[in-house]
């Protein structure tokens, strides 16, 4: 899982992504999800939809996240195997689905 932590008031870190990353790491450890890796990533030009979390290899992008959303992603997506549709975003620009196809 990649969490954008780019610093700047309008970037993901300024929107709380550091707290989201820490919550994600805490839940992964507490629930013994040793197959899940979490890492910081740089800007992907989606900060207007931030904070951003990307789940790979699934290719699922989540945005506009709160701390409570992290629990939902862990429970439903990582453990349950079902992406959380209400939290998904479609990246635009060079990251868009059409440009990645």
N, C-alpha and C. Protein backbone atom coordinates (compact mmCIF):
# COMPACT_ATOMS: atom_id res chain seq x y z
N UNK A 1 0.84 -1.16 0.00
CA UNK A 1 0.00 0.00 0.00
C UNK A 1 0.89 1.23 0.00
N UNK A 2 0.57 2.15 -0.86
CA UNK A 2 1.31 3.40 -0.98
C UNK A 2 0.46 4.53 -0.43
N UNK A 3 1.07 5.36 0.41
CA UNK A 3 0.38 6.52 0.97
C UNK A 3 1.16 7.76 0.57
N UNK A 4 0.50 8.67 -0.12
CA UNK A 4 1.16 9.91 -0.51
C UNK A 4 1.38 10.75 0.75
N UNK A 5 2.62 11.16 0.96
CA UNK A 5 2.95 12.00 2.12
C UNK A 5 3.67 13.27 1.69
N UNK A 6 3.38 13.73 0.50
CA UNK A 6 4.00 14.95 -0.02
C UNK A 6 3.63 16.14 0.87
N UNK A 7 4.65 16.89 1.25
CA UNK A 7 4.47 18.01 2.16
C UNK A 7 4.00 19.24 1.41
N UNK A 8 3.09 19.96 2.02
CA UNK A 8 2.55 21.19 1.48
C UNK A 8 1.13 21.34 1.98
N UNK A 9 0.71 22.55 2.19
CA UNK A 9 -0.61 22.80 2.77
C UNK A 9 -1.73 22.14 1.98
N UNK A 10 -1.64 22.20 0.66
CA UNK A 10 -2.69 21.64 -0.19
C UNK A 10 -2.35 20.25 -0.70
N UNK A 11 -1.22 19.73 -0.28
CA UNK A 11 -0.82 18.38 -0.68
C UNK A 11 -1.27 17.40 0.39
N UNK A 12 -1.03 16.13 0.16
CA UNK A 12 -1.58 15.08 1.02
C UNK A 12 -1.14 15.18 2.48
N UNK A 13 0.12 15.49 2.73
CA UNK A 13 0.57 15.61 4.13
C UNK A 13 -0.17 16.72 4.84
N UNK A 14 -0.43 17.81 4.15
CA UNK A 14 -1.18 18.91 4.73
C UNK A 14 -2.64 18.58 4.96
N UNK A 15 -3.09 17.47 4.38
CA UNK A 15 -4.47 17.01 4.54
C UNK A 15 -4.57 15.83 5.50
N UNK A 16 -3.47 15.49 6.17
CA UNK A 16 -3.52 14.46 7.19
C UNK A 16 -3.02 13.09 6.80
N UNK A 17 -2.26 12.98 5.71
CA UNK A 17 -1.83 11.65 5.27
C UNK A 17 -0.85 10.97 6.21
N UNK A 18 -0.07 11.74 6.98
CA UNK A 18 0.85 11.12 7.94
C UNK A 18 0.06 10.37 9.01
N UNK A 19 -1.03 10.94 9.48
CA UNK A 19 -1.88 10.24 10.47
C UNK A 19 -2.53 9.01 9.85
N UNK A 20 -2.90 9.12 8.59
CA UNK A 20 -3.49 7.97 7.89
C UNK A 20 -2.47 6.85 7.76
N UNK A 21 -1.24 7.18 7.38
CA UNK A 21 -0.19 6.17 7.27
C UNK A 21 0.06 5.50 8.61
N UNK A 22 0.14 6.29 9.68
CA UNK A 22 0.38 5.70 11.00
C UNK A 22 -0.77 4.80 11.43
N UNK A 23 -2.00 5.23 11.18
CA UNK A 23 -3.17 4.39 11.52
C UNK A 23 -3.13 3.09 10.73
N UNK A 24 -2.81 3.18 9.46
CA UNK A 24 -2.71 2.00 8.61
C UNK A 24 -1.65 1.04 9.15
N UNK A 25 -0.50 1.56 9.49
CA UNK A 25 0.58 0.72 10.03
C UNK A 25 0.18 0.08 11.36
N UNK A 26 -0.50 0.84 12.21
CA UNK A 26 -0.96 0.30 13.49
C UNK A 26 -1.94 -0.86 13.27
N UNK A 27 -2.89 -0.68 12.38
CA UNK A 27 -3.89 -1.73 12.12
C UNK A 27 -3.26 -2.97 11.49
N UNK A 28 -2.34 -2.77 10.56
CA UNK A 28 -1.67 -3.90 9.91
C UNK A 28 -0.91 -4.72 10.96
N UNK A 29 -0.25 -4.03 11.87
CA UNK A 29 0.50 -4.74 12.92
C UNK A 29 -0.45 -5.42 13.91
N UNK A 30 -1.46 -4.69 14.36
CA UNK A 30 -2.39 -5.22 15.35
C UNK A 30 -3.17 -6.43 14.85
N UNK A 31 -3.48 -6.43 13.57
CA UNK A 31 -4.27 -7.52 13.00
C UNK A 31 -3.41 -8.59 12.35
N UNK A 32 -2.11 -8.50 12.55
CA UNK A 32 -1.18 -9.52 12.08
C UNK A 32 -1.24 -9.73 10.57
N UNK A 33 -1.34 -8.65 9.83
CA UNK A 33 -1.40 -8.72 8.37
C UNK A 33 0.03 -8.61 7.82
N UNK A 34 0.85 -9.60 8.15
CA UNK A 34 2.27 -9.53 7.80
C UNK A 34 2.54 -9.58 6.30
N UNK A 35 1.55 -9.83 5.48
CA UNK A 35 1.70 -9.83 4.03
C UNK A 35 1.47 -8.44 3.43
N UNK A 36 1.05 -7.49 4.26
CA UNK A 36 0.79 -6.12 3.79
C UNK A 36 2.01 -5.26 4.07
N UNK A 37 2.45 -4.54 3.07
CA UNK A 37 3.55 -3.58 3.21
C UNK A 37 2.99 -2.18 3.01
N UNK A 38 3.43 -1.27 3.83
CA UNK A 38 3.01 0.13 3.71
C UNK A 38 4.24 0.98 3.45
N UNK A 39 4.10 1.92 2.57
CA UNK A 39 5.24 2.79 2.27
C UNK A 39 4.74 4.17 1.86
N UNK A 40 5.60 5.13 2.06
CA UNK A 40 5.33 6.50 1.61
C UNK A 40 5.57 6.59 0.11
N UNK A 41 4.85 7.48 -0.52
CA UNK A 41 5.14 7.77 -1.92
C UNK A 41 5.10 9.27 -2.11
N UNK A 42 5.73 9.71 -3.17
CA UNK A 42 5.72 11.13 -3.51
C UNK A 42 4.46 11.51 -4.25
N UNK A 43 4.42 12.73 -4.66
CA UNK A 43 3.23 13.29 -5.29
C UNK A 43 2.90 12.60 -6.62
N UNK A 44 1.63 12.33 -6.79
CA UNK A 44 1.14 11.76 -8.04
C UNK A 44 0.15 12.72 -8.70
N UNK A 45 0.22 13.98 -8.28
CA UNK A 45 -0.62 15.05 -8.84
C UNK A 45 -2.11 14.81 -8.65
N UNK A 46 -2.46 14.16 -7.57
CA UNK A 46 -3.87 13.93 -7.24
C UNK A 46 -4.23 14.58 -5.92
N UNK A 47 -3.41 15.53 -5.44
CA UNK A 47 -3.64 16.11 -4.12
C UNK A 47 -5.00 16.80 -4.02
N UNK A 48 -5.59 17.16 -5.14
CA UNK A 48 -6.95 17.71 -5.10
C UNK A 48 -7.97 16.64 -4.69
N UNK A 49 -7.54 15.37 -4.65
CA UNK A 49 -8.39 14.27 -4.21
C UNK A 49 -7.84 13.63 -2.94
N UNK A 50 -6.85 14.28 -2.32
CA UNK A 50 -6.13 13.69 -1.21
C UNK A 50 -6.86 13.75 0.11
N UNK A 51 -6.30 13.04 1.06
CA UNK A 51 -5.15 12.16 1.04
C UNK A 51 -5.38 10.91 0.19
N UNK A 52 -4.31 10.43 -0.44
CA UNK A 52 -4.37 9.33 -1.39
C UNK A 52 -3.70 8.08 -0.81
N UNK A 53 -4.36 6.93 -0.99
CA UNK A 53 -3.79 5.62 -0.69
C UNK A 53 -4.01 4.75 -1.92
N UNK A 54 -2.96 4.03 -2.34
CA UNK A 54 -3.08 3.13 -3.49
C UNK A 54 -2.77 1.72 -3.01
N UNK A 55 -3.66 0.79 -3.35
CA UNK A 55 -3.47 -0.61 -2.98
C UNK A 55 -3.01 -1.36 -4.22
N UNK A 56 -1.81 -1.92 -4.13
CA UNK A 56 -1.27 -2.74 -5.20
C UNK A 56 -0.99 -4.13 -4.67
N UNK A 57 -1.17 -5.15 -5.47
CA UNK A 57 -1.24 -5.11 -6.92
C UNK A 57 -2.64 -4.88 -7.47
N UNK A 58 -3.61 -4.59 -6.61
CA UNK A 58 -4.99 -4.43 -7.05
C UNK A 58 -5.21 -3.22 -7.95
N UNK A 59 -4.36 -2.20 -7.83
CA UNK A 59 -4.53 -1.00 -8.63
C UNK A 59 -5.71 -0.15 -8.20
N UNK A 60 -6.07 -0.23 -6.93
CA UNK A 60 -7.21 0.52 -6.40
C UNK A 60 -6.69 1.80 -5.75
N UNK A 61 -7.25 2.93 -6.18
CA UNK A 61 -6.89 4.24 -5.64
C UNK A 61 -8.01 4.71 -4.72
N UNK A 62 -7.63 5.13 -3.52
CA UNK A 62 -8.58 5.71 -2.57
C UNK A 62 -8.21 7.15 -2.33
N UNK A 63 -9.21 8.00 -2.15
CA UNK A 63 -8.94 9.41 -1.92
C UNK A 63 -9.96 10.06 -1.01
N UNK A 64 -9.62 11.29 -0.62
CA UNK A 64 -10.43 12.09 0.30
C UNK A 64 -10.67 11.32 1.60
N UNK A 65 -9.60 10.71 2.11
CA UNK A 65 -9.71 9.80 3.24
C UNK A 65 -9.67 10.49 4.59
N UNK A 66 -10.34 9.85 5.55
CA UNK A 66 -10.27 10.23 6.96
C UNK A 66 -9.67 9.06 7.72
N UNK A 67 -9.35 9.26 8.98
CA UNK A 67 -8.82 8.17 9.79
C UNK A 67 -9.78 7.00 9.88
N UNK A 68 -11.07 7.27 9.99
CA UNK A 68 -12.06 6.19 10.06
C UNK A 68 -12.09 5.36 8.78
N UNK A 69 -11.79 5.98 7.66
CA UNK A 69 -11.78 5.25 6.39
C UNK A 69 -10.70 4.17 6.36
N UNK A 70 -9.61 4.39 7.09
CA UNK A 70 -8.52 3.41 7.11
C UNK A 70 -9.02 2.08 7.68
N UNK A 71 -9.79 2.13 8.76
CA UNK A 71 -10.36 0.91 9.34
C UNK A 71 -11.22 0.17 8.32
N UNK A 72 -12.02 0.92 7.60
CA UNK A 72 -12.91 0.33 6.59
C UNK A 72 -12.10 -0.33 5.48
N UNK A 73 -11.06 0.33 5.01
CA UNK A 73 -10.21 -0.23 3.94
C UNK A 73 -9.55 -1.52 4.43
N UNK A 74 -9.03 -1.51 5.64
CA UNK A 74 -8.39 -2.71 6.18
C UNK A 74 -9.41 -3.84 6.30
N UNK A 75 -10.56 -3.56 6.90
CA UNK A 75 -11.58 -4.60 7.11
C UNK A 75 -12.17 -5.13 5.81
N UNK A 76 -12.60 -4.23 4.95
CA UNK A 76 -13.32 -4.64 3.75
C UNK A 76 -12.40 -5.05 2.60
N UNK A 77 -11.33 -4.28 2.37
CA UNK A 77 -10.48 -4.57 1.22
C UNK A 77 -9.37 -5.56 1.56
N UNK A 78 -8.55 -5.24 2.55
CA UNK A 78 -7.41 -6.11 2.84
C UNK A 78 -7.84 -7.46 3.41
N UNK A 79 -8.76 -7.43 4.36
CA UNK A 79 -9.20 -8.68 4.98
C UNK A 79 -10.33 -9.33 4.19
N UNK A 80 -11.31 -8.54 3.78
CA UNK A 80 -12.48 -9.07 3.09
C UNK A 80 -12.32 -9.28 1.60
N UNK A 81 -11.31 -8.65 1.00
CA UNK A 81 -11.07 -8.83 -0.42
C UNK A 81 -11.99 -8.03 -1.34
N UNK A 82 -12.72 -7.07 -0.78
CA UNK A 82 -13.65 -6.25 -1.57
C UNK A 82 -13.24 -4.78 -1.50
N UNK A 83 -12.85 -4.18 -2.61
CA UNK A 83 -12.55 -2.74 -2.58
C UNK A 83 -13.75 -1.95 -2.06
N UNK A 84 -13.47 -0.85 -1.41
CA UNK A 84 -14.50 0.01 -0.83
C UNK A 84 -14.89 1.04 -1.89
N UNK A 85 -15.95 0.76 -2.61
CA UNK A 85 -16.33 1.58 -3.77
C UNK A 85 -16.57 3.03 -3.41
N UNK A 86 -17.17 3.31 -2.27
CA UNK A 86 -17.49 4.71 -1.92
C UNK A 86 -16.25 5.55 -1.66
N UNK A 87 -15.10 4.91 -1.45
CA UNK A 87 -13.85 5.64 -1.20
C UNK A 87 -12.93 5.68 -2.41
N UNK A 88 -13.27 4.94 -3.45
CA UNK A 88 -12.41 4.88 -4.63
C UNK A 88 -12.43 6.20 -5.39
N UNK A 89 -11.30 6.49 -6.00
CA UNK A 89 -11.22 7.64 -6.89
C UNK A 89 -10.67 7.18 -8.23
N UNK A 90 -10.87 8.00 -9.22
CA UNK A 90 -10.28 7.76 -10.54
C UNK A 90 -9.22 8.83 -10.72
N UNK A 91 -7.96 8.42 -10.81
CA UNK A 91 -6.91 9.42 -11.00
C UNK A 91 -7.03 10.07 -12.37
N UNK A 92 -6.71 11.36 -12.43
CA UNK A 92 -6.74 12.03 -13.72
C UNK A 92 -5.32 12.39 -14.14
N UNK A 93 -5.19 12.86 -15.35
CA UNK A 93 -3.87 13.20 -15.87
C UNK A 93 -3.12 11.96 -16.31
N UNK A 94 -1.80 11.96 -16.14
CA UNK A 94 -0.98 10.83 -16.64
C UNK A 94 -1.27 9.53 -15.89
N UNK A 95 -1.96 9.59 -14.74
CA UNK A 95 -2.26 8.40 -13.95
C UNK A 95 -3.62 7.81 -14.31
N UNK A 96 -4.34 8.43 -15.21
CA UNK A 96 -5.71 7.98 -15.51
C UNK A 96 -5.71 6.56 -16.05
N UNK A 97 -6.83 5.92 -15.87
CA UNK A 97 -6.98 4.52 -16.31
C UNK A 97 -6.74 4.39 -17.81
N UNK A 98 -7.18 5.37 -18.58
CA UNK A 98 -7.02 5.27 -20.03
C UNK A 98 -5.56 5.40 -20.45
N UNK A 99 -4.80 6.22 -19.71
CA UNK A 99 -3.40 6.39 -20.10
C UNK A 99 -2.54 5.23 -19.59
N UNK A 100 -3.06 4.45 -18.64
CA UNK A 100 -2.30 3.32 -18.11
C UNK A 100 -2.61 2.02 -18.85
N UNK A 101 -3.63 2.06 -19.69
CA UNK A 101 -4.03 0.85 -20.41
C UNK A 101 -3.07 0.51 -21.51
